[in-house]
Amino acid sequence: MSFCLAPYESMEEAVKRLIMEEIQQAVGESDNRKLKRSEAVHEVRKHCKKIRSVLRLARTRFEKTYRFENAWYRDTAKGLAPIRDADALIETYDDLLERFSEQIDRRAFRSARRELTARRKKIVGDAATLNKKLKKVRARVIKGAERLEHRKLELDGFDVEEGLVLAYRKARKAMAVAYDDPTAENFHEWRKQAKYHDYHMTLLAAAWEVVESAAKEADELSDLLGDDHNLDVLYKTLLESPKKYGKKRDIQVLLGLIDRRSAELRVEARAIGARIFAEKPKAFGRRFRAYGEAWRAELDRPSKKFTTEPAVVTAAE
């Protein structure tokens, strides 16, 4: 089943199923030798983030369990972060120079790319080292699955909206903080919170067609903020040992291009974020309550056949 709510399961069943499905996919991609190892790293990290987004939907009713499980999958993905960042830096560098290709001589920055490539090789290591890291992550997600299988979450009667509104509120607040005090750290925090909102919209859009446009915008925002974060990492990497990456003047040009592109991304992100987070959290909750009630009414029509009660989808204020 795709990353979506099913209409006939309890919230405990939904949370467990969604997490188990992400774990199964993470294991499958770790084991798939036809998949590039760098791509496997990227996909496994995404599955850990999606698991954490599912946990956030239910966190208010099992806070202690949430904190443990959230930390478990955060730390699991963290072991692969340097590898993914090393790949992302080269992709970010290439995209940056492509965007400004008509305004610069790319040959002047060849030494920077060579050094970024050498840095990646040093961080990633050989195939055996990378497989060893993936194997360790694989073991951790399987252990998480075994633990979840026997864990009682006590989510009876709970719905997705309470956690949905909490995550929305945090993302909305993080946006305000980021533009009031536009530090890299504040934008990084907004990126993280916006990503959870993105996953929540994706989760609901598969069940509720009315959410599809919101899911697309949330995904676009997440991409913009992700690109901005990668530019910040590239900027800091170049500053660590600028002489390794090229002549002083050339590095200064690169840093200037990063600043320029980052500013463009933040303007775009602000326009989209203003639309996504225009509502106050309570109004957002009321709207999604209405979506949930409409969904349930559709399921309850006599023409709809089902053997178990549909999932509760009434929003919390």
Protein backbone atom coordinates (compact mmCIF):
# COMPACT_ATOMS: atom_id res chain seq x y z
CA MET A 1 0.00 0.00 0.00
CA SER A 2 1.22 3.53 -0.73
CA PHE A 3 1.98 6.16 1.90
CA CYS A 4 -1.64 6.96 2.77
CA LEU A 5 -4.40 6.35 5.30
CA ALA A 6 -6.65 3.36 4.76
CA PRO A 7 -10.34 3.92 5.55
CA TYR A 8 -11.08 0.82 7.59
CA GLU A 9 -8.26 0.67 10.13
CA SER A 10 -7.89 2.09 13.61
CA MET A 11 -5.23 4.73 14.21
CA GLU A 12 -3.03 2.18 16.00
CA GLU A 13 -3.29 -0.08 12.98
CA ALA A 14 -2.56 2.84 10.64
CA VAL A 15 0.52 4.05 12.52
CA LYS A 16 1.96 0.54 12.78
CA ARG A 17 1.21 -0.30 9.16
CA LEU A 18 2.70 2.92 7.80
CA ILE A 19 5.88 2.53 9.82
CA MET A 20 6.22 -1.15 8.93
CA GLU A 21 5.81 -0.38 5.23
CA GLU A 22 8.54 2.25 5.38
CA ILE A 23 10.83 -0.19 7.19
CA GLN A 24 10.18 -2.88 4.60
CA GLN A 25 11.05 -0.48 1.80
CA ALA A 26 14.20 0.68 3.59
CA VAL A 27 15.34 -2.93 4.01
CA GLY A 28 14.50 -3.73 0.39
CA GLU A 29 16.50 -0.78 -0.91
CA SER A 30 19.44 -1.62 1.34
CA ASP A 31 19.46 -5.17 -0.08
CA ASN A 32 18.92 -4.16 -3.72
CA ARG A 33 22.37 -4.32 -5.29
CA LYS A 34 20.98 -3.07 -8.60
CA LEU A 35 20.29 0.26 -6.90
CA LYS A 36 23.24 2.64 -6.70
CA ARG A 37 24.53 2.73 -3.16
CA SER A 38 24.35 6.52 -3.05
CA GLU A 39 20.70 6.32 -4.13
CA ALA A 40 20.04 3.62 -1.52
CA VAL A 41 21.45 5.95 1.14
CA HIS A 42 19.15 8.74 -0.01
CA GLU A 43 16.06 6.52 -0.06
CA VAL A 44 16.73 4.91 3.33
CA ARG A 45 17.10 8.35 4.92
CA LYS A 46 13.79 9.41 3.36
CA HIS A 47 12.05 6.37 4.85
CA CYS A 48 13.38 7.26 8.31
CA LYS A 49 12.04 10.80 7.90
CA LYS A 50 8.64 9.50 6.81
CA ILE A 51 8.54 7.22 9.85
CA ARG A 52 9.22 10.21 12.08
CA SER A 53 6.45 12.16 10.34
CA VAL A 54 3.99 9.32 11.09
CA LEU A 55 5.06 9.29 14.73
CA ARG A 56 4.40 13.03 14.91
CA LEU A 57 0.77 12.50 13.96
CA ALA A 58 0.23 10.55 17.15
CA ARG A 59 2.81 12.04 19.52
CA THR A 60 0.35 13.86 21.81
CA ARG A 61 -1.11 10.54 22.98
CA PHE A 62 2.12 8.62 23.52
CA GLU A 63 4.76 11.26 24.16
CA LYS A 64 7.22 8.99 25.95
CA THR A 65 7.10 6.36 23.22
CA TYR A 66 7.26 9.06 20.57
CA ARG A 67 10.43 10.56 22.03
CA PHE A 68 12.18 7.20 22.11
CA GLU A 69 11.13 6.09 18.63
CA ASN A 70 11.73 9.50 17.07
CA ALA A 71 15.26 9.58 18.47
CA TRP A 72 15.84 6.01 17.27
CA TYR A 73 15.05 6.78 13.63
CA ARG A 74 16.73 10.18 13.79
CA ASP A 75 19.96 8.56 14.97
CA THR A 76 19.57 5.75 12.45
CA ALA A 77 19.47 8.22 9.56
CA LYS A 78 22.19 10.39 11.07
CA GLY A 79 24.81 7.73 10.37
CA LEU A 80 24.17 8.21 6.63
CA ALA A 81 23.92 12.01 6.69
CA PRO A 82 27.59 12.77 5.85
CA ILE A 83 27.38 10.49 2.82
CA ARG A 84 24.21 12.09 1.52
CA ASP A 85 25.57 15.59 2.21
CA ALA A 86 28.74 14.81 0.24
CA ASP A 87 26.64 13.76 -2.76
CA ALA A 88 24.29 16.73 -2.36
CA LEU A 89 27.19 19.19 -2.36
CA ILE A 90 28.29 18.12 -5.84
CA GLU A 91 24.71 18.21 -7.12
CA THR A 92 24.28 21.67 -5.58
CA TYR A 93 27.54 22.92 -7.09
CA ASP A 94 26.53 21.66 -10.55
CA ASP A 95 23.05 23.20 -10.32
CA LEU A 96 24.50 26.52 -9.15
CA LEU A 97 26.94 26.82 -12.03
CA GLU A 98 24.33 25.70 -14.53
CA ARG A 99 21.97 28.42 -13.34
CA PHE A 100 24.61 31.13 -13.82
CA SER A 101 26.35 29.50 -16.80
CA GLU A 102 25.82 32.50 -19.07
CA GLN A 103 27.42 34.85 -16.56
CA ILE A 104 30.55 32.94 -15.58
CA ASP A 105 33.40 30.91 -17.05
CA ARG A 106 32.91 27.46 -15.51
CA ARG A 107 36.51 26.53 -16.24
CA ALA A 108 37.61 28.90 -13.47
CA PHE A 109 35.96 26.64 -10.89
CA ARG A 110 37.22 23.24 -12.01
CA SER A 111 39.51 22.93 -9.01
CA ALA A 112 36.55 23.45 -6.67
CA ARG A 113 34.63 20.57 -8.22
CA ARG A 114 37.68 18.31 -8.20
CA GLU A 115 38.14 18.95 -4.50
CA LEU A 116 34.45 18.37 -3.77
CA THR A 117 34.69 15.05 -5.64
CA ALA A 118 37.81 14.05 -3.71
CA ARG A 119 36.08 15.03 -0.48
CA ARG A 120 33.11 12.85 -1.38
CA LYS A 121 35.32 9.83 -2.07
CA LYS A 122 37.03 10.30 1.27
CA ILE A 123 33.74 10.51 3.17
CA VAL A 124 31.88 7.76 1.32
CA GLY A 125 34.78 5.32 1.14
CA ASP A 126 34.78 2.23 -1.02
CA ALA A 127 31.80 0.00 -1.82
CA ALA A 128 32.56 -2.35 1.08
CA THR A 129 32.57 0.52 3.58
CA LEU A 130 29.30 1.91 2.25
CA ASN A 131 27.63 -1.50 2.31
CA LYS A 132 28.79 -1.92 5.90
CA LYS A 133 27.11 1.34 6.89
CA LEU A 134 23.90 0.38 5.10
CA LYS A 135 23.97 -3.00 6.81
CA LYS A 136 24.18 -1.29 10.20
CA VAL A 137 21.22 0.91 9.36
CA ARG A 138 19.32 -2.12 8.07
CA ALA A 139 19.83 -3.88 11.41
CA ARG A 140 18.55 -0.84 13.31
CA VAL A 141 15.33 -0.50 11.32
CA ILE A 142 14.65 -4.24 11.66
CA LYS A 143 15.14 -3.93 15.42
CA GLY A 144 12.69 -1.03 15.37
CA ALA A 145 10.16 -3.18 13.51
CA GLU A 146 10.51 -6.01 16.02
CA ARG A 147 9.97 -3.57 18.88
CA LEU A 148 6.95 -1.96 17.22
CA GLU A 149 5.32 -5.30 16.52
CA HIS A 150 4.97 -5.98 20.25
CA ARG A 151 4.36 -2.42 21.38
CA LYS A 152 0.89 -1.29 22.46
CA LEU A 153 0.48 2.32 21.34
CA GLU A 154 -2.89 2.90 23.02
CA LEU A 155 -4.22 5.10 20.24
CA ASP A 156 -7.83 3.91 20.37
CA GLY A 157 -10.17 6.77 19.55
CA PHE A 158 -7.32 9.02 18.48
CA ASP A 159 -7.28 10.77 15.12
CA VAL A 160 -4.65 12.23 12.83
CA GLU A 161 -5.72 15.85 13.12
CA GLU A 162 -4.40 16.55 16.61
CA GLY A 163 -0.86 15.75 15.52
CA LEU A 164 -1.45 17.35 12.13
CA VAL A 165 -2.38 20.70 13.69
CA LEU A 166 0.55 20.55 16.12
CA ALA A 167 3.00 20.02 13.25
CA TYR A 168 1.33 22.78 11.21
CA ARG A 169 1.62 25.19 14.15
CA LYS A 170 5.33 24.44 14.57
CA ALA A 171 6.05 24.89 10.86
CA ARG A 172 4.08 28.14 10.75
CA LYS A 173 5.95 29.50 13.75
CA ALA A 174 9.31 28.39 12.33
CA MET A 175 8.58 30.33 9.14
CA ALA A 176 7.90 33.52 11.09
CA VAL A 177 11.11 33.09 13.07
CA ALA A 178 13.15 32.42 9.91
CA TYR A 179 12.10 35.67 8.24
CA ASP A 180 12.27 37.73 11.43
CA ASP A 181 15.83 36.49 12.02
CA PRO A 182 17.11 35.00 8.73
CA THR A 183 19.98 32.89 10.03
CA ALA A 184 20.97 29.60 8.42
CA GLU A 185 19.96 27.83 11.64
CA ASN A 186 16.46 29.31 11.61
CA PHE A 187 15.92 28.41 7.96
CA HIS A 188 17.22 24.92 8.67
CA GLU A 189 14.62 24.55 11.42
CA TRP A 190 11.86 25.79 9.11
CA ARG A 191 13.01 23.32 6.48
CA LYS A 192 12.68 20.43 8.93
CA GLN A 193 9.23 21.45 10.13
CA ALA A 194 8.00 22.17 6.59
CA LYS A 195 9.18 18.71 5.54
CA TYR A 196 7.02 17.06 8.19
CA HIS A 197 4.05 19.11 6.99
CA ASP A 198 4.89 18.01 3.44
CA TYR A 199 4.78 14.33 4.43
CA HIS A 200 1.52 14.83 6.31
CA MET A 201 -0.11 16.41 3.26
CA THR A 202 1.20 13.57 1.08
CA LEU A 203 -0.22 11.05 3.52
CA LEU A 204 -3.67 12.63 3.44
CA ALA A 205 -3.75 13.52 -0.26
CA ALA A 206 -3.84 9.86 -1.28
CA ALA A 207 -7.09 9.45 0.69
CA TRP A 208 -8.57 12.93 0.32
CA GLU A 209 -8.38 14.33 -3.23
CA VAL A 210 -9.14 17.84 -1.97
CA VAL A 211 -5.69 17.92 -0.32
CA GLU A 212 -3.77 17.16 -3.52
CA SER A 213 -3.02 20.79 -4.40
CA ALA A 214 -1.89 21.50 -0.84
CA ALA A 215 0.40 18.47 -1.00
CA LYS A 216 1.98 19.72 -4.24
CA GLU A 217 2.66 23.14 -2.76
CA ALA A 218 4.09 21.64 0.41
CA ASP A 219 6.39 19.47 -1.69
CA GLU A 220 7.52 22.48 -3.73
CA LEU A 221 8.25 24.42 -0.56
CA SER A 222 10.20 21.51 0.87
CA ASP A 223 12.34 21.35 -2.28
CA LEU A 224 13.10 25.08 -2.18
CA LEU A 225 14.12 24.98 1.46
CA GLY A 226 16.16 21.83 0.87
CA ASP A 227 18.05 23.55 -1.95
CA ASP A 228 18.67 26.56 0.29
CA HIS A 229 20.02 24.30 3.04
CA ASN A 230 22.35 22.55 0.61
CA LEU A 231 23.69 25.93 -0.55
CA ASP A 232 24.42 26.84 3.07
CA VAL A 233 26.33 23.59 3.56
CA LEU A 234 28.30 24.25 0.36
CA TYR A 235 29.07 27.80 1.51
CA LYS A 236 30.40 26.60 4.87
CA THR A 237 32.38 23.80 3.23
CA LEU A 238 34.13 26.24 0.89
CA LEU A 239 34.99 28.51 3.81
CA GLU A 240 36.53 25.71 5.89
CA SER A 241 39.64 25.55 3.67
CA PRO A 242 39.12 27.96 0.77
CA LYS A 243 42.64 27.54 -0.60
CA LYS A 244 41.90 23.88 -1.35
CA TYR A 245 39.04 24.80 -3.65
CA GLY A 246 40.72 27.40 -5.84
CA LYS A 247 42.00 30.93 -6.13
CA LYS A 248 40.74 33.45 -3.62
CA ARG A 249 38.98 35.55 -6.26
CA ASP A 250 37.24 32.50 -7.75
CA ILE A 251 36.03 31.31 -4.36
CA GLN A 252 34.70 34.76 -3.60
CA VAL A 253 32.73 34.61 -6.84
CA LEU A 254 31.32 31.20 -5.89
CA LEU A 255 30.30 32.47 -2.46
CA GLY A 256 28.61 35.44 -4.11
CA LEU A 257 26.66 33.15 -6.42
CA ILE A 258 25.55 31.08 -3.43
CA ASP A 259 24.33 34.19 -1.62
CA ARG A 260 22.45 35.32 -4.72
CA ARG A 261 20.77 31.97 -5.33
CA SER A 262 19.92 31.57 -1.64
CA ALA A 263 18.19 34.96 -1.66
CA GLU A 264 16.17 33.94 -4.72
CA LEU A 265 15.09 30.67 -3.10
CA ARG A 266 14.04 32.41 0.09
CA VAL A 267 11.88 34.88 -1.81
CA GLU A 268 10.16 31.99 -3.62
CA ALA A 269 9.78 30.03 -0.38
CA ARG A 270 8.22 33.01 1.38
CA ALA A 271 5.54 33.40 -1.28
CA ILE A 272 4.60 29.71 -1.15
CA GLY A 273 4.88 29.54 2.64
CA ALA A 274 2.58 32.54 3.00
CA ARG A 275 -0.12 30.61 1.14
CA ILE A 276 0.43 27.30 2.93
CA PHE A 277 0.52 28.80 6.40
CA ALA A 278 -2.00 31.61 5.91
CA GLU A 279 -4.54 30.08 8.29
CA LYS A 280 -4.21 30.11 12.02
CA PRO A 281 -3.80 26.58 13.43
CA LYS A 282 -7.34 26.34 14.80
CA ALA A 283 -8.83 27.35 11.45
CA PHE A 284 -6.55 24.84 9.73
CA GLY A 285 -7.83 22.19 12.14
CA ARG A 286 -11.46 23.06 11.47
CA ARG A 287 -10.90 22.80 7.72
CA PHE A 288 -9.30 19.39 8.00
CA ARG A 289 -12.05 18.28 10.35
CA ALA A 290 -14.51 19.09 7.59
CA TYR A 291 -12.45 17.10 5.08
CA GLY A 292 -12.40 14.16 7.46
CA GLU A 293 -16.14 14.31 8.10
CA ALA A 294 -16.84 14.44 4.36
CA TRP A 295 -14.57 11.44 3.84
CA ARG A 296 -16.32 9.47 6.55
CA ALA A 297 -19.76 10.39 5.19
CA GLU A 298 -18.70 9.08 1.80
CA LEU A 299 -17.51 5.83 3.37
CA ASP A 300 -20.73 5.49 5.36
CA ARG A 301 -22.99 5.61 2.31
CA PRO A 302 -25.05 2.41 1.93
CA SER A 303 -23.34 1.66 -1.38
CA LYS A 304 -20.00 1.43 0.41
CA LYS A 305 -19.34 -2.06 1.68
CA PHE A 306 -16.99 -2.61 4.56
CA THR A 307 -16.67 -5.01 7.45
CA THR A 308 -14.95 -2.85 10.07
CA GLU A 309 -15.38 0.66 11.35
CA PRO A 310 -13.58 3.40 9.37
CA ALA A 311 -10.71 5.26 11.03
CA VAL A 312 -11.69 8.20 13.24
CA VAL A 313 -10.81 11.42 11.49
CA THR A 314 -12.29 14.17 13.67
CA ALA A 315 -9.92 17.10 14.16
CA ALA A 316 -8.75 18.38 17.51
CA GLU A 317 -8.94 22.10 18.12
